Amino acid sequence: MLFLSSISRNVEIATARSGFEALEKLKDGAPNLVILDVMMPGMDGFEVLARMRRLPDSERVPVMVLTGYSDAVKRAREAGAQEVLLKPFEKNVFVKKVLQLLQDQ
Protein backbone atom coordinates (compact mmCIF):
# COMPACT_ATOMS: atom_id res chain seq x y z
CA MET A 1 0.00 0.00 0.00
CA LEU A 2 2.93 2.32 0.49
CA PHE A 3 3.19 2.70 -3.30
CA LEU A 4 0.23 5.09 -2.96
CA SER A 5 2.63 7.75 -1.71
CA SER A 6 4.05 7.86 -5.24
CA ILE A 7 0.71 9.10 -6.61
CA SER A 8 1.13 12.57 -5.15
CA ARG A 9 3.30 14.48 -2.70
CA ASN A 10 0.09 15.37 -0.89
CA VAL A 11 -0.64 11.78 0.09
CA GLU A 12 0.15 10.97 3.69
CA ILE A 13 -0.12 7.34 4.71
CA ALA A 14 -0.43 5.92 8.19
CA THR A 15 -0.35 2.19 8.76
CA ALA A 16 -1.45 -0.01 11.63
CA ARG A 17 -0.35 -3.54 12.39
CA SER A 18 -3.56 -4.51 14.17
CA GLY A 19 -7.19 -3.52 14.49
CA PHE A 20 -6.54 -2.09 17.96
CA GLU A 21 -3.70 0.09 16.64
CA ALA A 22 -5.90 1.28 13.77
CA LEU A 23 -8.63 2.39 16.17
CA GLU A 24 -6.12 4.25 18.33
CA LYS A 25 -4.87 6.14 15.28
CA LEU A 26 -8.44 6.98 14.25
CA LYS A 27 -9.00 8.62 17.63
CA ASP A 28 -6.36 11.20 16.70
CA GLY A 29 -8.50 12.47 13.84
CA ALA A 30 -10.56 11.35 10.90
CA PRO A 31 -8.51 10.48 7.80
CA ASN A 32 -9.64 11.03 4.22
CA LEU A 33 -9.81 7.28 3.56
CA VAL A 34 -9.45 4.03 5.50
CA ILE A 35 -8.29 0.82 3.85
CA LEU A 36 -8.94 -2.28 5.93
CA ASP A 37 -8.02 -5.88 5.39
CA VAL A 38 -10.61 -8.36 6.65
CA MET A 39 -7.91 -10.52 8.27
CA MET A 40 -5.99 -8.52 10.85
CA PRO A 41 -4.34 -9.60 14.11
CA GLY A 42 -6.35 -9.08 17.27
CA MET A 43 -9.53 -7.87 15.61
CA ASP A 44 -10.88 -8.44 12.11
CA GLY A 45 -11.66 -5.66 9.68
CA PHE A 46 -15.41 -5.98 10.24
CA GLU A 47 -15.02 -5.27 13.96
CA VAL A 48 -12.67 -2.35 13.25
CA LEU A 49 -15.24 -0.91 10.84
CA ALA A 50 -18.07 -1.31 13.37
CA ARG A 51 -16.06 0.33 16.15
CA MET A 52 -14.77 3.02 13.81
CA ARG A 53 -18.30 4.05 12.88
CA ARG A 54 -18.98 4.75 16.57
CA LEU A 55 -16.14 7.31 16.73
CA PRO A 56 -16.94 11.02 16.24
CA ASP A 57 -16.73 12.21 12.61
CA SER A 58 -16.04 8.73 11.27
CA GLU A 59 -19.34 8.31 9.43
CA ARG A 60 -18.08 10.56 6.64
CA VAL A 61 -14.81 8.64 6.13
CA PRO A 62 -14.91 6.33 3.11
CA VAL A 63 -13.72 2.78 3.76
CA MET A 64 -12.27 0.27 1.34
CA VAL A 65 -12.12 -3.33 2.52
CA LEU A 66 -9.63 -5.80 1.07
CA THR A 67 -10.43 -9.48 1.27
CA GLY A 68 -9.47 -12.79 -0.21
CA TYR A 69 -12.87 -14.28 0.54
CA SER A 70 -15.69 -13.75 -1.94
CA ASP A 71 -18.30 -14.37 0.77
CA ALA A 72 -16.92 -11.39 2.72
CA VAL A 73 -17.78 -8.88 -0.03
CA LYS A 74 -21.48 -8.66 0.87
CA ARG A 75 -20.74 -8.54 4.58
CA ALA A 76 -18.25 -5.69 4.09
CA ARG A 77 -20.77 -3.64 2.11
CA GLU A 78 -23.45 -4.29 4.74
CA ALA A 79 -20.99 -3.15 7.41
CA GLY A 80 -20.61 0.20 5.66
CA ALA A 81 -17.66 -0.17 3.31
CA GLN A 82 -18.00 2.02 0.23
CA GLU A 83 -15.70 -0.23 -1.76
CA VAL A 84 -14.60 -3.86 -1.49
CA LEU A 85 -11.69 -5.23 -3.45
CA LEU A 86 -11.25 -8.97 -3.79
CA LYS A 87 -7.67 -10.27 -3.66
CA PRO A 88 -5.66 -10.75 -5.68
CA PHE A 89 -6.12 -7.45 -7.45
CA GLU A 90 -4.09 -5.43 -9.90
CA LYS A 91 -2.27 -2.37 -8.60
CA ASN A 92 -3.84 -0.06 -11.21
CA VAL A 93 -7.38 -1.18 -10.21
CA PHE A 94 -6.56 -0.51 -6.56
CA VAL A 95 -5.16 2.95 -7.30
CA LYS A 96 -8.17 3.83 -9.47
CA LYS A 97 -10.60 2.87 -6.70
CA VAL A 98 -8.62 4.80 -4.07
CA LEU A 99 -8.60 7.93 -6.22
CA GLN A 100 -12.31 7.58 -6.90
CA LEU A 101 -13.09 7.29 -3.17
CA LEU A 102 -10.97 10.34 -2.40
CA GLN A 103 -12.61 12.32 -5.20
CA ASP A 104 -16.15 11.41 -4.09
CA GLN A 105 -15.67 13.07 -0.71
PDB file of N, CA and C in Angstrom:
ATOM      1  N   MET A   1       0.797  -1.189   0.000  1.00  0.00           N
ATOM      2  CA  MET A   1       0.000   0.000   0.000  1.00  0.00           C
ATOM      3  C   MET A   1       0.848   1.265   0.000  1.00  0.00           C
ATOM      4  N   LEU A   2       2.086   1.139   0.419  1.00  0.00           N
ATOM      5  CA  LEU A   2       2.931   2.322   0.486  1.00  0.00           C
ATOM      6  C   LEU A   2       3.219   2.910  -0.888  1.00  0.00           C
ATOM      7  N   PHE A   3       2.991   2.151  -1.957  1.00  0.00           N
ATOM      8  CA  PHE A   3       3.189   2.697  -3.296  1.00  0.00           C
ATOM      9  C   PHE A   3       2.218   3.844  -3.574  1.00  0.00           C
ATOM     10  N   LEU A   4       1.164   3.974  -2.776  1.00  0.00           N
ATOM     11  CA  LEU A   4       0.225   5.091  -2.956  1.00  0.00           C
ATOM     12  C   LEU A   4       0.900   6.434  -2.754  1.00  0.00           C
ATOM     13  N   SER A   5       1.943   6.478  -1.939  1.00  0.00           N
ATOM     14  CA  SER A   5       2.626   7.750  -1.711  1.00  0.00           C
ATOM     15  C   SER A   5       3.269   8.275  -2.984  1.00  0.00           C
ATOM     16  N   SER A   6       3.472   7.413  -3.969  1.00  0.00           N
ATOM     17  CA  SER A   6       4.052   7.862  -5.237  1.00  0.00           C
ATOM     18  C   SER A   6       3.028   8.537  -6.147  1.00  0.00           C
ATOM     19  N   ILE A   7       1.752   8.480  -5.797  1.00  0.00           N
ATOM     20  CA  ILE A   7       0.708   9.102  -6.608  1.00  0.00           C
ATOM     21  C   ILE A   7       0.809  10.620  -6.550  1.00  0.00           C
ATOM     22  N   SER A   8       1.078  11.128  -5.351  1.00  0.00           N
ATOM     23  CA  SER A   8       1.128  12.573  -5.150  1.00  0.00           C
ATOM     24  C   SER A   8       1.953  12.870  -3.904  1.00  0.00           C
ATOM     25  N   ARG A   9       2.566  14.043  -3.897  1.00  0.00           N
ATOM     26  CA  ARG A   9       3.296  14.477  -2.703  1.00  0.00           C
ATOM     27  C   ARG A   9       2.341  14.799  -1.562  1.00  0.00           C
ATOM     28  N   ASN A  10       1.088  15.008  -1.891  1.00  0.00           N
ATOM     29  CA  ASN A  10       0.091  15.373  -0.893  1.00  0.00           C
ATOM     30  C   ASN A  10      -0.513  14.180  -0.173  1.00  0.00           C
ATOM     31  N   VAL A  11      -0.109  12.985  -0.544  1.00  0.00           N
ATOM     32  CA  VAL A  11      -0.645  11.778   0.089  1.00  0.00           C
ATOM     33  C   VAL A  11       0.189  11.455   1.323  1.00  0.00           C
ATOM     34  N   GLU A  12      -0.492  11.375   2.448  1.00  0.00           N
ATOM     35  CA  GLU A  12       0.154  10.972   3.691  1.00  0.00           C
ATOM     36  C   GLU A  12      -0.466   9.647   4.116  1.00  0.00           C
ATOM     37  N   ILE A  13       0.372   8.672   4.393  1.00  0.00           N
ATOM     38  CA  ILE A  13      -0.118   7.339   4.706  1.00  0.00           C
ATOM     39  C   ILE A  13       0.285   6.963   6.131  1.00  0.00           C
ATOM     40  N   ALA A  14      -0.687   6.473   6.861  1.00  0.00           N
ATOM     41  CA  ALA A  14      -0.428   5.924   8.191  1.00  0.00           C
ATOM     42  C   ALA A  14      -0.825   4.459   8.143  1.00  0.00           C
ATOM     43  N   THR A  15      -0.040   3.622   8.747  1.00  0.00           N
ATOM     44  CA  THR A  15      -0.345   2.193   8.761  1.00  0.00           C
ATOM     45  C   THR A  15      -0.538   1.720  10.195  1.00  0.00           C
ATOM     46  N   ALA A  16      -1.243   0.613  10.329  1.00  0.00           N
ATOM     47  CA  ALA A  16      -1.448  -0.011  11.630  1.00  0.00           C
ATOM     48  C   ALA A  16      -1.236  -1.502  11.474  1.00  0.00           C
ATOM     49  N   ARG A  17      -0.650  -2.110  12.447  1.00  0.00           N
ATOM     50  CA  ARG A  17      -0.349  -3.544  12.387  1.00  0.00           C
ATOM     51  C   ARG A  17      -1.460  -4.404  12.982  1.00  0.00           C
ATOM     52  N   SER A  18      -2.453  -3.758  13.597  1.00  0.00           N
ATOM     53  CA  SER A  18      -3.563  -4.509  14.171  1.00  0.00           C
ATOM     54  C   SER A  18      -4.809  -3.634  14.174  1.00  0.00           C
ATOM     55  N   GLY A  19      -5.953  -4.261  14.397  1.00  0.00           N
ATOM     56  CA  GLY A  19      -7.193  -3.516  14.490  1.00  0.00           C
ATOM     57  C   GLY A  19      -7.185  -2.549  15.657  1.00  0.00           C
ATOM     58  N   PHE A  20      -6.605  -2.958  16.779  1.00  0.00           N
ATOM     59  CA  PHE A  20      -6.535  -2.086  17.955  1.00  0.00           C
ATOM     60  C   PHE A  20      -5.698  -0.842  17.670  1.00  0.00           C
ATOM     61  N   GLU A  21      -4.567  -1.034  16.996  1.00  0.00           N
ATOM     62  CA  GLU A  21      -3.702   0.088  16.642  1.00  0.00           C
ATOM     63  C   GLU A  21      -4.412   1.027  15.658  1.00  0.00           C
ATOM     64  N   ALA A  22      -5.159   0.463  14.733  1.00  0.00           N
ATOM     65  CA  ALA A  22      -5.903   1.281  13.768  1.00  0.00           C
ATOM     66  C   ALA A  22      -6.915   2.159  14.484  1.00  0.00           C
ATOM     67  N   LEU A  23      -7.633   1.599  15.433  1.00  0.00           N
ATOM     68  CA  LEU A  23      -8.626   2.388  16.175  1.00  0.00           C
ATOM     69  C   LEU A  23      -7.976   3.488  16.996  1.00  0.00           C
ATOM     70  N   GLU A  24      -6.832   3.208  17.575  1.00  0.00           N
ATOM     71  CA  GLU A  24      -6.119   4.246  18.330  1.00  0.00           C
ATOM     72  C   GLU A  24      -5.726   5.403  17.414  1.00  0.00           C
ATOM     73  N   LYS A  25      -5.251   5.088  16.226  1.00  0.00           N
ATOM     74  CA  LYS A  25      -4.868   6.139  15.278  1.00  0.00           C
ATOM     75  C   LYS A  25      -6.082   6.937  14.819  1.00  0.00           C
ATOM     76  N   LEU A  26      -7.232   6.281  14.685  1.00  0.00           N
ATOM     77  CA  LEU A  26      -8.441   6.980  14.255  1.00  0.00           C
ATOM     78  C   LEU A  26      -8.933   7.956  15.314  1.00  0.00           C
ATOM     79  N   LYS A  27      -8.602   7.705  16.561  1.00  0.00           N
ATOM     80  CA  LYS A  27      -9.003   8.625  17.627  1.00  0.00           C
ATOM     81  C   LYS A  27      -8.278   9.960  17.534  1.00  0.00           C
ATOM     82  N   ASP A  28      -7.134   9.967  16.865  1.00  0.00           N
ATOM     83  CA  ASP A  28      -6.356  11.203  16.701  1.00  0.00           C
ATOM     84  C   ASP A  28      -6.959  12.137  15.664  1.00  0.00           C
ATOM     85  N   GLY A  29      -7.874  11.656  14.869  1.00  0.00           N
ATOM     86  CA  GLY A  29      -8.502  12.471  13.839  1.00  0.00           C
ATOM     87  C   GLY A  29      -8.960  11.620  12.681  1.00  0.00           C
ATOM     88  N   ALA A  30      -9.989  12.096  12.020  1.00  0.00           N
ATOM     89  CA  ALA A  30     -10.561  11.348  10.901  1.00  0.00           C
ATOM     90  C   ALA A  30      -9.694  11.509   9.649  1.00  0.00           C
ATOM     91  N   PRO A  31      -9.285  10.409   9.050  1.00  0.00           N
ATOM     92  CA  PRO A  31      -8.508  10.482   7.804  1.00  0.00           C
ATOM     93  C   PRO A  31      -9.439  10.714   6.611  1.00  0.00           C
ATOM     94  N   ASN A  32      -8.863  10.869   5.450  1.00  0.00           N
ATOM     95  CA  ASN A  32      -9.639  11.033   4.223  1.00  0.00           C
ATOM     96  C   ASN A  32     -10.135   9.699   3.677  1.00  0.00           C
ATOM     97  N   LEU A  33      -9.467   8.614   4.054  1.00  0.00           N
ATOM     98  CA  LEU A  33      -9.811   7.282   3.564  1.00  0.00           C
ATOM     99  C   LEU A  33      -9.220   6.245   4.507  1.00  0.00           C
ATOM    100  N   VAL A  34      -9.957   5.161   4.727  1.00  0.00           N
ATOM    101  CA  VAL A  34      -9.452   4.029   5.504  1.00  0.00           C
ATOM    102  C   VAL A  34      -9.492   2.802   4.606  1.00  0.00           C
ATOM    103  N   ILE A  35      -8.379   2.074   4.584  1.00  0.00           N
ATOM    104  CA  ILE A  35      -8.293   0.822   3.846  1.00  0.00           C
ATOM    105  C   ILE A  35      -8.061  -0.273   4.874  1.00  0.00           C
ATOM    106  N   LEU A  36      -8.990  -1.208   4.940  1.00  0.00           N
ATOM    107  CA  LEU A  36      -8.943  -2.281   5.928  1.00  0.00           C
ATOM    108  C   LEU A  36      -8.845  -3.638   5.255  1.00  0.00           C
ATOM    109  N   ASP A  37      -8.020  -4.486   5.802  1.00  0.00           N
ATOM    110  CA  ASP A  37      -8.024  -5.883   5.393  1.00  0.00           C
ATOM    111  C   ASP A  37      -8.990  -6.607   6.317  1.00  0.00           C
ATOM    112  N   VAL A  38      -9.693  -7.589   5.813  1.00  0.00           N
ATOM    113  CA  VAL A  38     -10.606  -8.363   6.650  1.00  0.00           C
ATOM    114  C   VAL A  38      -9.813  -9.123   7.716  1.00  0.00           C
ATOM    115  N   MET A  39      -8.710  -9.723   7.343  1.00  0.00           N
ATOM    116  CA  MET A  39      -7.911 -10.520   8.268  1.00  0.00           C
ATOM    117  C   MET A  39      -6.803  -9.659   8.871  1.00  0.00           C
ATOM    118  N   MET A  40      -6.997  -9.299  10.138  1.00  0.00           N
ATOM    119  CA  MET A  40      -5.990  -8.522  10.854  1.00  0.00           C
ATOM    120  C   MET A  40      -5.784  -9.158  12.225  1.00  0.00           C
ATOM    121  N   PRO A  41      -4.583  -9.020  12.785  1.00  0.00           N
ATOM    122  CA  PRO A  41      -4.340  -9.598  14.106  1.00  0.00           C
ATOM    123  C   PRO A  41      -5.153  -8.880  15.191  1.00  0.00           C
ATOM    124  N   GLY A  42      -5.665  -9.647  16.120  1.00  0.00           N
ATOM    125  CA  GLY A  42      -6.349  -9.076  17.266  1.00  0.00           C
ATOM    126  C   GLY A  42      -7.818  -8.756  17.067  1.00  0.00           C
ATOM    127  N   MET A  43      -8.152  -8.283  15.905  1.00  0.00           N
ATOM    128  CA  MET A  43      -9.527  -7.872  15.615  1.00  0.00           C
ATOM    129  C   MET A  43      -9.682  -7.831  14.099  1.00  0.00           C
ATOM    130  N   ASP A  44     -10.738  -8.438  13.573  1.00  0.00           N
ATOM    131  CA  ASP A  44     -10.880  -8.441  12.114  1.00  0.00           C
ATOM    132  C   ASP A  44     -11.372  -7.085  11.599  1.00  0.00           C
ATOM    133  N   GLY A  45     -11.285  -6.916  10.311  1.00  0.00           N
ATOM    134  CA  GLY A  45     -11.664  -5.657   9.678  1.00  0.00           C
ATOM    135  C   GLY A  45     -13.124  -5.285   9.887  1.00  0.00           C
ATOM    136  N   PHE A  46     -13.993  -6.265  10.007  1.00  0.00           N
ATOM    137  CA  PHE A  46     -15.411  -5.980  10.244  1.00  0.00           C
ATOM    138  C   PHE A  46     -15.619  -5.328  11.609  1.00  0.00           C
ATOM    139  N   GLU A  47     -14.914  -5.844  12.612  1.00  0.00           N
ATOM    140  CA  GLU A  47     -15.023  -5.268  13.959  1.00  0.00           C
ATOM    141  C   GLU A  47     -14.410  -3.869  13.998  1.00  0.00           C
ATOM    142  N   VAL A  48     -13.280  -3.689  13.321  1.00  0.00           N
ATOM    143  CA  VAL A  48     -12.670  -2.353  13.252  1.00  0.00           C
ATOM    144  C   VAL A  48     -13.653  -1.376  12.616  1.00  0.00           C
ATOM    145  N   LEU A  49     -14.281  -1.778  11.531  1.00  0.00           N
ATOM    146  CA  LEU A  49     -15.235  -0.913  10.844  1.00  0.00           C
ATOM    147  C   LEU A  49     -16.417  -0.582  11.759  1.00  0.00           C
ATOM    148  N   ALA A  50     -16.949  -1.559  12.461  1.00  0.00           N
ATOM    149  CA  ALA A  50     -18.075  -1.315  13.370  1.00  0.00           C
ATOM    150  C   ALA A  50     -17.680  -0.356  14.487  1.00  0.00           C
ATOM    151  N   ARG A  51     -16.519  -0.560  15.065  1.00  0.00           N
ATOM    152  CA  ARG A  51     -16.059   0.331  16.147  1.00  0.00           C
ATOM    153  C   ARG A  51     -15.721   1.713  15.620  1.00  0.00           C
ATOM    154  N   MET A  52     -15.129   1.748  14.432  1.00  0.00           N
ATOM    155  CA  MET A  52     -14.771   3.020  13.813  1.00  0.00           C
ATOM    156  C   MET A  52     -16.003   3.892  13.607  1.00  0.00           C
ATOM    157  N   ARG A  53     -17.084   3.296  13.170  1.00  0.00           N
ATOM    158  CA  ARG A  53     -18.303   4.048  12.881  1.00  0.00           C
ATOM    159  C   ARG A  53     -18.913   4.655  14.150  1.00  0.00           C
ATOM    160  N   ARG A  54     -18.496   4.176  15.312  1.00  0.00           N
ATOM    161  CA  ARG A  54     -18.980   4.749  16.569  1.00  0.00           C
ATOM    162  C   ARG A  54     -18.129   5.933  17.029  1.00  0.00           C
ATOM    163  N   LEU A  55     -17.004   6.178  16.368  1.00  0.00           N
ATOM    164  CA  LEU A  55     -16.141   7.311  16.727  1.00  0.00           C
ATOM    165  C   LEU A  55     -16.687   8.604  16.112  1.00  0.00           C
ATOM    166  N   PRO A  56     -16.477   9.737  16.789  1.00  0.00           N
ATOM    167  CA  PRO A  56     -16.936  11.017  16.237  1.00  0.00           C
ATOM    168  C   PRO A  56     -16.333  11.291  14.854  1.00  0.00           C
ATOM    169  N   ASP A  57     -17.132  11.810  13.971  1.00  0.00           N
ATOM    170  CA  ASP A  57     -16.730  12.214  12.615  1.00  0.00           C
ATOM    171  C   ASP A  57     -16.314  11.069  11.692  1.00  0.00           C
ATOM    172  N   SER A  58     -16.497   9.837  12.115  1.00  0.00           N
ATOM    173  CA  SER A  58     -16.044   8.731  11.265  1.00  0.00           C
ATOM    174  C   SER A  58     -17.068   8.308  10.227  1.00  0.00           C
ATOM    175  N   GLU A  59     -18.311   8.735  10.384  1.00  0.00           N
ATOM    176  CA  GLU A  59     -19.336   8.313   9.430  1.00  0.00           C
ATOM    177  C   GLU A  59     -19.097   8.884   8.034  1.00  0.00           C
ATOM    178  N   ARG A  60     -18.345   9.953   7.943  1.00  0.00           N
ATOM    179  CA  ARG A  60     -18.081  10.559   6.640  1.00  0.00           C
ATOM    180  C   ARG A  60     -16.833   9.985   5.958  1.00  0.00           C
ATOM    181  N   VAL A  61     -16.065   9.185   6.669  1.00  0.00           N
ATOM    182  CA  VAL A  61     -14.815   8.641   6.135  1.00  0.00           C
ATOM    183  C   VAL A  61     -15.106   7.432   5.249  1.00  0.00           C
ATOM    184  N   PRO A  62     -14.710   7.500   3.973  1.00  0.00           N
ATOM    185  CA  PRO A  62     -14.905   6.331   3.114  1.00  0.00           C
ATOM    186  C   PRO A  62     -13.976   5.188   3.525  1.00  0.00           C
ATOM    187  N   VAL A  63     -14.479   3.968   3.380  1.00  0.00           N
ATOM    188  CA  VAL A  63     -13.718   2.783   3.763  1.00  0.00           C
ATOM    189  C   VAL A  63     -13.676   1.811   2.595  1.00  0.00           C
ATOM    190  N   MET A  64     -12.459   1.328   2.311  1.00  0.00           N
ATOM    191  CA  MET A  64     -12.274   0.265   1.335  1.00  0.00           C
ATOM    192  C   MET A  64     -11.817  -0.967   2.101  1.00  0.00           C
ATOM    193  N   VAL A  65     -12.482  -2.070   1.876  1.00  0.00           N
ATOM    194  CA  VAL A  65     -12.123  -3.332   2.520  1.00  0.00           C
ATOM    195  C   VAL A  65     -11.455  -4.235   1.497  1.00  0.00           C
ATOM    196  N   LEU A  66     -10.352  -4.839   1.904  1.00  0.00           N
ATOM    197  CA  LEU A  66      -9.634  -5.797   1.070  1.00  0.00           C
ATOM    198  C   LEU A  66      -9.864  -7.180   1.651  1.00  0.00           C
ATOM    199  N   THR A  67     -10.175  -8.127   0.796  1.00  0.00           N
ATOM    200  CA  THR A  67     -10.429  -9.482   1.269  1.00  0.00           C
ATOM    201  C   THR A  67     -10.071 -10.512   0.211  1.00  0.00           C
ATOM    202  N   GLY A  68      -9.716 -11.667   0.685  1.00  0.00           N
ATOM    203  CA  GLY A  68      -9.466 -12.788  -0.209  1.00  0.00           C
ATOM    204  C   GLY A  68     -10.647 -13.741  -0.267  1.00  0.00           C
ATOM    205  N   TYR A  69     -11.702 -13.397   0.441  1.00  0.00           N
ATOM    206  CA  TYR A  69     -12.870 -14.275   0.542  1.00  0.00           C
ATOM    207  C   TYR A  69     -14.074 -13.650  -0.156  1.00  0.00           C
ATOM    208  N   SER A  70     -14.572 -14.301  -1.181  1.00  0.00           N
ATOM    209  CA  SER A  70     -15.694 -13.748  -1.940  1.00  0.00           C
ATOM    210  C   SER A  70     -16.952 -13.615  -1.083  1.00  0.00           C
ATOM    211  N   ASP A  71     -17.116 -14.479  -0.083  1.00  0.00           N
ATOM    212  CA  ASP A  71     -18.303 -14.366   0.771  1.00  0.00           C
ATOM    213  C   ASP A  71     -18.230 -13.165   1.713  1.00  0.00           C
ATOM    214  N   ALA A  72     -17.072 -12.547   1.849  1.00  0.00           N
ATOM    215  CA  ALA A  72     -16.918 -11.387   2.723  1.00  0.00           C
ATOM    216  C   ALA A  72     -17.312 -10.080   2.030  1.00  0.00           C
ATOM    217  N   VAL A  73     -17.461 -10.106   0.719  1.00  0.00           N
ATOM    218  CA  VAL A  73     -17.780  -8.883  -0.028  1.00  0.00           C
ATOM    219  C   VAL A  73     -19.122  -8.312   0.425  1.00  0.00           C
ATOM    220  N   LYS A  74     -20.149  -9.132   0.460  1.00  0.00           N
ATOM    221  CA  LYS A  74     -21.476  -8.660   0.872  1.00  0.00           C
ATOM    222  C   LYS A  74     -21.450  -8.178   2.315  1.00  0.00           C
ATOM    223  N   ARG A  75     -20.804  -8.926   3.168  1.00  0.00           N
ATOM    224  CA  ARG A  75     -20.735  -8.543   4.584  1.00  0.00           C
ATOM    225  C   ARG A  75     -20.027  -7.200   4.767  1.00  0.00           C
ATOM    226  N   ALA A  76     -18.976  -6.959   4.002  1.00  0.00           N
ATOM    227  CA  ALA A  76     -18.248  -5.686   4.094  1.00  0.00           C
ATOM    228  C   ALA A  76     -19.127  -4.521   3.654  1.00  0.00           C
ATOM    229  N   ARG A  77     -19.863  -4.700   2.582  1.00  0.00           N
ATOM    230  CA  ARG A  77     -20.767  -3.637   2.113  1.00  0.00           C
ATOM    231  C   ARG A  77     -21.863  -3.380   3.148  1.00  0.00           C
ATOM    232  N   GLU A  78     -22.405  -4.443   3.716  1.00  0.00           N
ATOM    233  CA  GLU A  78     -23.445  -4.288   4.737  1.00  0.00           C
ATOM    234  C   GLU A  78     -22.903  -3.603   5.988  1.00  0.00           C
ATOM    235  N   ALA A  79     -21.615  -3.769   6.253  1.00  0.00           N
ATOM    236  CA  ALA A  79     -20.986  -3.146   7.415  1.00  0.00           C
ATOM    237  C   ALA A  79     -20.681  -1.667   7.183  1.00  0.00           C
ATOM    238  N   GLY A  80     -20.814  -1.220   5.940  1.00  0.00           N
ATOM    239  CA  GLY A  80     -20.609   0.197   5.659  1.00  0.00           C
ATOM    240  C   GLY A  80     -19.426   0.542   4.785  1.00  0.00           C
ATOM    241  N   ALA A  81     -18.776  -0.452   4.213  1.00  0.00           N
ATOM    242  CA  ALA A  81     -17.658  -0.168   3.309  1.00  0.00           C
ATOM    243  C   ALA A  81     -18.197   0.376   1.990  1.00  0.00           C
ATOM    244  N   GLN A  82     -17.592   1.448   1.506  1.00  0.00           N
ATOM    245  CA  GLN A  82     -18.001   2.017   0.227  1.00  0.00           C
ATOM    246  C   GLN A  82     -17.452   1.219  -0.943  1.00  0.00           C
ATOM    247  N   GLU A  83     -16.342   0.536  -0.702  1.00  0.00           N
ATOM    248  CA  GLU A  83     -15.702  -0.233  -1.764  1.00  0.00           C
ATOM    249  C   GLU A  83     -15.134  -1.509  -1.156  1.00  0.00           C
ATOM    250  N   VAL A  84     -15.186  -2.587  -1.907  1.00  0.00           N
ATOM    251  CA  VAL A  84     -14.597  -3.855  -1.491  1.00  0.00           C
ATOM    252  C   VAL A  84     -13.787  -4.363  -2.671  1.00  0.00           C
ATOM    253  N   LEU A  85     -12.567  -4.730  -2.402  1.00  0.00           N
ATOM    254  CA  LEU A  85     -11.686  -5.228  -3.454  1.00  0.00           C
ATOM    255  C   LEU A  85     -11.264  -6.645  -3.094  1.00  0.00           C
ATOM    256  N   LEU A  86     -11.549  -7.556  -3.994  1.00  0.00           N
ATOM    257  CA  LEU A  86     -11.247  -8.969  -3.792  1.00  0.00           C
ATOM    258  C   LEU A  86      -9.811  -9.247  -4.225  1.00  0.00           C
ATOM    259  N   LYS A  87      -9.053  -9.901  -3.349  1.00  0.00           N
ATOM    260  CA  LYS A  87      -7.668 -10.269  -3.657  1.00  0.00           C
ATOM    261  C   LYS A  87      -7.652 -11.537  -4.494  1.00  0.00           C
ATOM    262  N   PRO A  88      -6.687 -11.720  -5.322  1.00  0.00           N
ATOM    263  CA  PRO A  88      -5.663 -10.752  -5.680  1.00  0.00           C
ATOM    264  C   PRO A  88      -6.223  -9.709  -6.640  1.00  0.00           C
ATOM    265  N   PHE A  89      -5.678  -8.521  -6.580  1.00  0.00           N
ATOM    266  CA  PHE A  89      -6.124  -7.448  -7.452  1.00  0.00           C
ATOM    267  C   PHE A  89      -4.914  -6.807  -8.111  1.00  0.00           C
ATOM    268  N   GLU A  90      -5.180  -6.108  -9.192  1.00  0.00           N
ATOM    269  CA  GLU A  90      -4.094  -5.425  -9.896  1.00  0.00           C
ATOM    270  C   GLU A  90      -3.895  -4.047  -9.276  1.00  0.00           C
ATOM    271  N   LYS A  91      -2.642  -3.642  -9.216  1.00  0.00           N
ATOM    272  CA  LYS A  91      -2.271  -2.368  -8.603  1.00  0.00           C
ATOM    273  C   LYS A  91      -3.035  -1.198  -9.224  1.00  0.00           C
ATOM    274  N   ASN A  92      -3.167  -1.185 -10.546  1.00  0.00           N
ATOM    275  CA  ASN A  92      -3.844  -0.062 -11.206  1.00  0.00           C
ATOM    276  C   ASN A  92      -5.331  -0.007 -10.845  1.00  0.00           C
ATOM    277  N   VAL A  93      -5.971  -1.140 -10.622  1.00  0.00           N
ATOM    278  CA  VAL A  93      -7.376  -1.180 -10.205  1.00  0.00           C
ATOM    279  C   VAL A  93      -7.493  -0.617  -8.791  1.00  0.00           C
ATOM    280  N   PHE A  94      -6.587  -1.013  -7.929  1.00  0.00           N
ATOM    281  CA  PHE A  94      -6.564  -0.514  -6.559  1.00  0.00           C
ATOM    282  C   PHE A  94      -6.407   1.012  -6.535  1.00  0.00           C
ATOM    283  N   VAL A  95      -5.421   1.511  -7.266  1.00  0.00           N
ATOM    284  CA  VAL A  95      -5.165   2.953  -7.296  1.00  0.00           C
ATOM    285  C   VAL A  95      -6.375   3.704  -7.839  1.00  0.00           C
ATOM    286  N   LYS A  96      -6.990   3.195  -8.885  1.00  0.00           N
ATOM    287  CA  LYS A  96      -8.168   3.833  -9.473  1.00  0.00           C
ATOM    288  C   LYS A  96      -9.297   3.934  -8.440  1.00  0.00           C
ATOM    289  N   LYS A  97      -9.532   2.878  -7.705  1.00  0.00           N
ATOM    290  CA  LYS A  97     -10.601   2.874  -6.704  1.00  0.00           C
ATOM    291  C   LYS A  97     -10.281   3.818  -5.545  1.00  0.00           C
ATOM    292  N   VAL A  98      -9.032   3.863  -5.129  1.00  0.00           N
ATOM    293  CA  VAL A  98      -8.620   4.797  -4.071  1.00  0.00           C
ATOM    294  C   VAL A  98      -8.854   6.229  -4.516  1.00  0.00           C
ATOM    295  N   LEU A  99      -8.418   6.562  -5.716  1.00  0.00           N
ATOM    296  CA  LEU A  99      -8.596   7.926  -6.222  1.00  0.00           C
ATOM    297  C   LEU A  99     -10.069   8.286  -6.349  1.00  0.00           C
ATOM    298  N   GLN A 100     -10.864   7.334  -6.767  1.00  0.00           N
ATOM    299  CA  GLN A 100     -12.306   7.579  -6.895  1.00  0.00           C
ATOM    300  C   GLN A 100     -12.937   7.852  -5.528  1.00  0.00           C
ATOM    301  N   LEU A 101     -12.572   7.077  -4.527  1.00  0.00           N
ATOM    302  CA  LEU A 101     -13.095   7.294  -3.166  1.00  0.00           C
ATOM    303  C   LEU A 101     -12.680   8.654  -2.627  1.00  0.00           C
ATOM    304  N   LEU A 102     -11.452   9.037  -2.887  1.00  0.00           N
ATOM    305  CA  LEU A 102     -10.969  10.343  -2.402  1.00  0.00           C
ATOM    306  C   LEU A 102     -11.677  11.480  -3.132  1.00  0.00           C
ATOM    307  N   GLN A 103     -11.938  11.289  -4.404  1.00  0.00           N
ATOM    308  CA  GLN A 103     -12.612  12.319  -5.202  1.00  0.00           C
ATOM    309  C   GLN A 103     -14.075  12.477  -4.805  1.00  0.00           C
ATOM    310  N   ASP A 104     -14.729  11.390  -4.421  1.00  0.00           N
ATOM    311  CA  ASP A 104     -16.146  11.407  -4.094  1.00  0.00           C
ATOM    312  C   ASP A 104     -16.452  12.096  -2.765  1.00  0.00           C
ATOM    313  N   GLN A 105     -15.421  12.448  -2.023  1.00  0.00           N
ATOM    314  CA  GLN A 105     -15.666  13.072  -0.710  1.00  0.00           C
ATOM    315  C   GLN A 105     -16.290  14.421  -0.811  1.00  0.00           C
TER     316      GLN A 105
END
